[in-house]
Amino acid sequence: MKYDRMAAGPADAISEPEPMNSPAPITPPSAIMVMCRCLRLCFKPLDCISLSSLIVGGI
């Protein structure tokens, strides 16, 4: 199927939408905190091995 690149008829100027002064929506802090809690539970380090001993090379 071939699509036409040009529309039939006279070429009318298309008006651009008026710029808006409202900022973009922001994710509420409560939703971010819930996501962080879920990730923390999923990636909880092992209780028997501390992260510092893994980084330093073991004690």
Protein backbone atom coordinates (compact mmCIF):
# COMPACT_ATOMS: atom_id res chain seq x y z
CA MET A 1 0.00 0.00 0.00
CA LYS A 2 1.36 3.41 -0.95
CA TYR A 3 0.64 6.52 1.09
CA ASP A 4 0.45 10.00 -0.40
CA ARG A 5 2.88 12.47 1.09
CA MET A 6 0.89 15.50 -0.03
CA ALA A 7 -2.76 16.03 0.79
CA ALA A 8 -5.09 16.97 -2.01
CA GLY A 9 -6.46 20.51 -2.05
CA PRO A 10 -5.07 23.94 -1.26
CA ALA A 11 -2.20 24.21 1.20
CA ASP A 12 -3.58 26.03 4.24
CA ALA A 13 -1.33 27.13 7.05
CA ILE A 14 -1.90 25.06 10.18
CA SER A 15 -1.98 27.15 13.32
CA GLU A 16 0.26 25.96 16.14
CA PRO A 17 -1.31 25.40 19.55
CA GLU A 18 -0.92 28.17 22.10
CA PRO A 19 1.94 27.57 24.55
CA MET A 20 0.80 26.63 28.03
CA ASN A 21 2.24 28.08 31.21
CA SER A 22 1.52 25.00 33.29
CA PRO A 23 4.50 22.75 34.15
CA ALA A 24 4.67 19.08 33.27
CA PRO A 25 3.02 16.74 35.78
CA ILE A 26 5.34 15.43 38.47
CA THR A 27 5.21 12.03 40.16
CA PRO A 28 4.03 12.51 43.74
CA PRO A 29 6.68 11.81 46.42
CA SER A 30 4.52 9.11 48.01
CA ALA A 31 4.62 7.03 44.81
CA ILE A 32 8.41 7.34 44.65
CA MET A 33 8.75 6.26 48.29
CA VAL A 34 6.59 3.18 47.68
CA MET A 35 8.73 2.18 44.68
CA CYS A 36 11.93 2.55 46.72
CA ARG A 37 10.52 0.39 49.52
CA CYS A 38 9.63 -2.34 47.04
CA LEU A 39 13.08 -2.27 45.46
CA ARG A 40 14.74 -2.33 48.88
CA LEU A 41 12.80 -5.48 49.81
CA CYS A 42 13.65 -7.16 46.49
CA PHE A 43 17.38 -6.42 46.65
CA LYS A 44 17.96 -6.85 50.39
CA PRO A 45 21.56 -7.99 51.04
CA LEU A 46 22.18 -11.31 52.73
CA ASP A 47 22.01 -11.15 56.52
CA CYS A 48 25.13 -13.29 57.06
CA ILE A 49 27.40 -11.23 54.77
CA SER A 50 27.78 -7.49 55.17
CA LEU A 51 28.33 -5.29 52.14
CA SER A 52 31.41 -3.71 53.71
CA SER A 53 33.16 -7.08 53.94
CA LEU A 54 32.41 -7.72 50.28
CA ILE A 55 33.81 -4.34 49.23
CA VAL A 56 36.90 -4.36 51.49
CA GLY A 57 37.73 -7.96 50.66
CA GLY A 58 36.45 -9.82 53.67
CA ILE A 59 37.43 -9.78 57.29
